[in-house]
Amino acid sequence: MKLIYTVLAFTTLAMAAPASPNVEKRALPADCASVFWNTRATGGGWGCSASTNGVCTTYFWKTDPPYWSCN
């Protein structure tokens, strides 16, 4: 039974890991009026790759929603 739980835990962690460790990092645009959480496929947006006290400090570009968008 321990083996099954170990395999399930490992599989869960593997699925949660990013598909590619070499993701494209981008800073949010300086002229961004407001940032919103986008669940529609509009071409891509930002995901948070690191945060401090709940504030995102490093971003990566992703094309599958949901992601942060700017207008």
N, C-alpha and C. Protein backbone atom coordinates (compact mmCIF):
# COMPACT_ATOMS: atom_id res chain seq x y z
N MET A 1 0.82 -1.18 0.00
CA MET A 1 0.00 0.00 0.00
C MET A 1 0.87 1.25 0.00
N LYS A 2 2.00 1.20 0.73
CA LYS A 2 2.90 2.34 0.75
C LYS A 2 3.43 2.65 -0.65
N LEU A 3 3.69 1.60 -1.40
CA LEU A 3 4.19 1.78 -2.76
C LEU A 3 3.17 2.51 -3.62
N ILE A 4 1.91 2.16 -3.49
CA ILE A 4 0.86 2.83 -4.28
C ILE A 4 0.78 4.31 -3.91
N TYR A 5 0.81 4.61 -2.61
CA TYR A 5 0.76 6.01 -2.19
C TYR A 5 1.99 6.78 -2.65
N THR A 6 3.13 6.14 -2.62
CA THR A 6 4.35 6.79 -3.09
C THR A 6 4.27 7.09 -4.58
N VAL A 7 3.80 6.13 -5.36
CA VAL A 7 3.66 6.34 -6.81
C VAL A 7 2.64 7.44 -7.09
N LEU A 8 1.52 7.44 -6.38
CA LEU A 8 0.51 8.48 -6.58
C LEU A 8 1.05 9.86 -6.20
N ALA A 9 1.79 9.95 -5.12
CA ALA A 9 2.37 11.23 -4.71
C ALA A 9 3.37 11.71 -5.74
N PHE A 10 4.23 10.84 -6.23
CA PHE A 10 5.22 11.21 -7.23
C PHE A 10 4.54 11.66 -8.52
N THR A 11 3.51 10.95 -8.95
CA THR A 11 2.78 11.30 -10.17
C THR A 11 2.11 12.66 -10.03
N THR A 12 1.52 12.92 -8.88
CA THR A 12 0.88 14.21 -8.64
C THR A 12 1.89 15.35 -8.71
N LEU A 13 3.05 15.16 -8.10
CA LEU A 13 4.09 16.19 -8.16
C LEU A 13 4.61 16.38 -9.58
N ALA A 14 4.76 15.30 -10.30
CA ALA A 14 5.26 15.40 -11.68
C ALA A 14 4.26 16.14 -12.57
N MET A 15 2.98 15.93 -12.34
CA MET A 15 1.97 16.61 -13.15
C MET A 15 1.88 18.09 -12.79
N ALA A 16 2.21 18.45 -11.57
CA ALA A 16 2.15 19.85 -11.15
C ALA A 16 3.36 20.64 -11.62
N ALA A 17 4.43 19.98 -11.97
CA ALA A 17 5.64 20.66 -12.42
C ALA A 17 5.42 21.27 -13.80
N PRO A 18 6.08 22.38 -14.11
CA PRO A 18 5.94 22.98 -15.44
C PRO A 18 6.46 22.04 -16.52
N ALA A 19 5.87 22.12 -17.69
CA ALA A 19 6.26 21.24 -18.80
C ALA A 19 7.67 21.54 -19.26
N SER A 20 8.07 22.80 -19.22
CA SER A 20 9.40 23.19 -19.66
C SER A 20 10.01 24.13 -18.63
N PRO A 21 11.17 23.81 -18.11
CA PRO A 21 11.79 24.71 -17.14
C PRO A 21 12.31 25.99 -17.79
N ASN A 22 12.46 25.99 -19.10
CA ASN A 22 12.97 27.16 -19.82
C ASN A 22 11.83 27.99 -20.37
N VAL A 23 11.00 28.54 -19.49
CA VAL A 23 9.88 29.35 -19.94
C VAL A 23 10.36 30.76 -20.24
N GLU A 24 9.65 31.41 -21.12
CA GLU A 24 10.00 32.78 -21.49
C GLU A 24 9.53 33.72 -20.38
N LYS A 25 10.44 34.45 -19.79
CA LYS A 25 10.10 35.39 -18.72
C LYS A 25 9.90 36.77 -19.33
N ARG A 26 8.85 37.44 -18.92
CA ARG A 26 8.56 38.79 -19.40
C ARG A 26 8.14 39.66 -18.23
N ALA A 27 8.51 40.90 -18.26
CA ALA A 27 8.02 41.86 -17.27
C ALA A 27 6.70 42.41 -17.77
N LEU A 28 5.85 42.84 -16.84
CA LEU A 28 4.60 43.46 -17.26
C LEU A 28 4.89 44.78 -17.95
N PRO A 29 4.14 45.13 -18.98
CA PRO A 29 4.39 46.38 -19.70
C PRO A 29 4.24 47.60 -18.80
N ALA A 30 5.08 48.60 -19.02
CA ALA A 30 5.04 49.82 -18.22
C ALA A 30 3.74 50.59 -18.45
N ASP A 31 3.18 50.51 -19.66
CA ASP A 31 1.97 51.27 -19.99
C ASP A 31 0.69 50.49 -19.69
N CYS A 32 0.78 49.47 -18.89
CA CYS A 32 -0.37 48.65 -18.55
C CYS A 32 -1.29 49.42 -17.60
N ALA A 33 -2.51 49.75 -18.07
CA ALA A 33 -3.46 50.52 -17.25
C ALA A 33 -4.02 49.67 -16.12
N SER A 34 -4.39 48.45 -16.44
CA SER A 34 -4.91 47.55 -15.41
C SER A 34 -4.64 46.11 -15.82
N VAL A 35 -4.48 45.27 -14.84
CA VAL A 35 -4.23 43.85 -15.08
C VAL A 35 -5.46 43.08 -14.63
N PHE A 36 -5.87 42.10 -15.43
CA PHE A 36 -7.04 41.31 -15.05
C PHE A 36 -6.79 39.84 -15.33
N TRP A 37 -7.49 38.98 -14.58
CA TRP A 37 -7.39 37.53 -14.71
C TRP A 37 -8.23 37.12 -15.90
N ASN A 38 -7.62 36.52 -16.90
CA ASN A 38 -8.28 36.21 -18.16
C ASN A 38 -8.45 34.70 -18.30
N THR A 39 -9.67 34.25 -18.51
CA THR A 39 -9.94 32.83 -18.70
C THR A 39 -10.27 32.50 -20.15
N ARG A 40 -10.26 33.50 -21.03
CA ARG A 40 -10.52 33.27 -22.45
C ARG A 40 -9.20 33.15 -23.21
N ALA A 41 -9.20 32.37 -24.26
CA ALA A 41 -8.00 32.21 -25.09
C ALA A 41 -7.87 33.42 -26.00
N THR A 42 -7.07 34.39 -25.59
CA THR A 42 -6.90 35.62 -26.37
C THR A 42 -5.48 35.77 -26.89
N GLY A 43 -4.74 34.69 -26.97
CA GLY A 43 -3.39 34.75 -27.54
C GLY A 43 -2.26 34.60 -26.54
N GLY A 44 -2.52 34.78 -25.27
CA GLY A 44 -1.48 34.60 -24.28
C GLY A 44 -1.49 35.67 -23.22
N GLY A 45 -0.80 35.39 -22.14
CA GLY A 45 -0.71 36.33 -21.04
C GLY A 45 0.34 35.87 -20.05
N TRP A 46 0.35 36.47 -18.88
CA TRP A 46 1.38 36.21 -17.90
C TRP A 46 0.91 35.26 -16.82
N GLY A 47 1.80 34.38 -16.42
CA GLY A 47 1.61 33.54 -15.25
C GLY A 47 2.65 33.95 -14.23
N CYS A 48 2.37 33.71 -12.98
CA CYS A 48 3.29 34.09 -11.91
C CYS A 48 4.21 32.90 -11.61
N SER A 49 5.51 33.12 -11.71
CA SER A 49 6.44 32.03 -11.42
C SER A 49 7.09 32.16 -10.05
N ALA A 50 7.04 33.34 -9.44
CA ALA A 50 7.57 33.53 -8.08
C ALA A 50 6.83 34.68 -7.42
N SER A 51 6.56 34.53 -6.14
CA SER A 51 5.88 35.61 -5.43
C SER A 51 6.45 35.76 -4.04
N THR A 52 6.33 36.97 -3.50
CA THR A 52 6.74 37.28 -2.15
C THR A 52 5.54 37.87 -1.43
N ASN A 53 5.11 37.23 -0.35
CA ASN A 53 3.95 37.68 0.42
C ASN A 53 2.71 37.85 -0.46
N GLY A 54 2.52 36.97 -1.42
CA GLY A 54 1.35 37.02 -2.28
C GLY A 54 1.44 37.99 -3.44
N VAL A 55 2.56 38.71 -3.58
CA VAL A 55 2.76 39.65 -4.67
C VAL A 55 3.70 39.02 -5.68
N CYS A 56 3.26 38.91 -6.92
CA CYS A 56 4.07 38.28 -7.95
C CYS A 56 5.31 39.11 -8.26
N THR A 57 6.47 38.48 -8.25
CA THR A 57 7.72 39.19 -8.52
C THR A 57 8.36 38.77 -9.83
N THR A 58 8.04 37.59 -10.32
CA THR A 58 8.58 37.09 -11.58
C THR A 58 7.46 36.46 -12.38
N TYR A 59 7.43 36.75 -13.67
CA TYR A 59 6.37 36.27 -14.55
C TYR A 59 6.93 35.42 -15.67
N PHE A 60 6.08 34.60 -16.27
CA PHE A 60 6.44 33.88 -17.48
C PHE A 60 5.27 33.98 -18.44
N TRP A 61 5.56 33.90 -19.72
CA TRP A 61 4.54 34.01 -20.76
C TRP A 61 3.92 32.64 -21.01
N LYS A 62 2.60 32.59 -21.10
CA LYS A 62 1.92 31.34 -21.38
C LYS A 62 0.79 31.58 -22.36
N THR A 63 0.46 30.57 -23.14
CA THR A 63 -0.57 30.72 -24.16
C THR A 63 -1.85 29.98 -23.83
N ASP A 64 -1.84 29.16 -22.79
CA ASP A 64 -3.07 28.45 -22.42
C ASP A 64 -3.68 29.12 -21.19
N PRO A 65 -4.96 29.52 -21.30
CA PRO A 65 -5.61 30.20 -20.17
C PRO A 65 -5.79 29.26 -19.00
N PRO A 66 -5.94 29.79 -17.81
CA PRO A 66 -6.07 31.21 -17.47
C PRO A 66 -4.70 31.86 -17.31
N TYR A 67 -4.67 33.17 -17.48
CA TYR A 67 -3.45 33.95 -17.33
C TYR A 67 -3.83 35.40 -17.04
N TRP A 68 -2.83 36.17 -16.68
CA TRP A 68 -3.04 37.61 -16.45
C TRP A 68 -2.92 38.34 -17.76
N SER A 69 -3.83 39.25 -18.03
CA SER A 69 -3.82 40.07 -19.23
C SER A 69 -3.76 41.54 -18.84
N CYS A 70 -3.42 42.36 -19.79
CA CYS A 70 -3.26 43.80 -19.56
C CYS A 70 -4.09 44.58 -20.57
N ASN A 71 -4.72 45.68 -20.10
CA ASN A 71 -5.41 46.58 -21.04
C ASN A 71 -5.13 48.00 -20.68
